[in-house]
């Protein structure tokens, strides 16, 4: 779904900048999931499953193209 946009951005800004931005975005998203789980009291294993689900959804949507 988003793969053409990701490829276009990669071609414009270059692979190194896109990888750096993607890494920061993934880290922030994982941190947001962790903060939410800590506030609500969700255990570590469920949190890890949510982070994996977010990664898999990103792949399916084409955000990791």
Protein backbone atom coordinates (compact mmCIF):
# COMPACT_ATOMS: atom_id res chain seq x y z
CA UNK A 1 0.00 0.00 0.00
CA UNK A 2 2.72 2.48 0.99
CA UNK A 3 5.58 0.75 -0.85
CA UNK A 4 5.55 3.07 -3.89
CA UNK A 5 5.74 6.11 -1.60
CA UNK A 6 8.58 4.58 0.41
CA UNK A 7 10.48 3.75 -2.78
CA UNK A 8 9.95 7.30 -4.08
CA UNK A 9 11.20 8.84 -0.83
CA UNK A 10 14.18 6.46 -0.85
CA UNK A 11 15.05 7.58 -4.38
CA UNK A 12 14.80 11.26 -3.41
CA UNK A 13 16.61 11.31 -0.04
CA UNK A 14 18.79 8.23 -0.46
CA UNK A 15 18.94 4.91 1.36
CA UNK A 16 21.16 6.01 4.28
CA UNK A 17 18.89 8.93 5.28
CA UNK A 18 15.76 6.81 4.87
CA UNK A 19 17.25 4.02 7.00
CA UNK A 20 18.21 6.50 9.71
CA UNK A 21 14.71 8.04 9.71
CA UNK A 22 13.07 4.59 9.67
CA UNK A 23 15.19 3.47 12.62
CA UNK A 24 14.22 6.53 14.65
CA UNK A 25 10.53 6.04 13.80
CA UNK A 26 10.62 2.37 14.80
CA UNK A 27 12.39 3.21 18.07
CA UNK A 28 9.82 5.89 18.93
CA UNK A 29 6.93 3.58 18.10
CA UNK A 30 8.38 0.79 20.26
CA UNK A 31 8.94 3.28 23.08
CA UNK A 32 5.32 4.47 22.81
CA UNK A 33 4.10 0.87 23.02
CA UNK A 34 6.36 0.25 26.04
CA UNK A 35 5.17 3.41 27.83
CA UNK A 36 1.54 2.48 27.23
CA UNK A 37 2.10 -1.05 28.53
CA UNK A 38 3.89 0.26 31.63
CA UNK A 39 1.08 2.71 32.42
CA UNK A 40 -1.64 0.10 31.98
CA UNK A 41 0.31 -2.73 33.65
CA UNK A 42 0.67 -5.07 30.68
CA UNK A 43 3.41 -7.68 31.05
CA UNK A 44 6.56 -7.87 28.97
CA UNK A 45 5.59 -10.85 26.80
CA UNK A 46 2.35 -9.24 25.62
CA UNK A 47 4.24 -5.99 24.93
CA UNK A 48 6.77 -7.87 22.80
CA UNK A 49 3.94 -9.51 20.88
CA UNK A 50 2.46 -6.06 20.16
CA UNK A 51 5.81 -4.77 18.91
CA UNK A 52 6.11 -7.82 16.62
CA UNK A 53 2.57 -7.22 15.39
CA UNK A 54 3.42 -3.58 14.61
CA UNK A 55 6.49 -4.75 12.66
CA UNK A 56 4.49 -7.32 10.71
CA UNK A 57 1.77 -4.77 9.92
CA UNK A 58 4.44 -2.37 8.67
CA UNK A 59 5.76 -5.04 6.34
CA UNK A 60 2.28 -5.89 5.08
CA UNK A 61 1.43 -2.23 4.46
CA UNK A 62 4.66 -1.72 2.55
CA UNK A 63 6.27 0.67 5.02
CA UNK A 64 9.38 -1.50 5.12
CA UNK A 65 9.84 -1.62 1.31
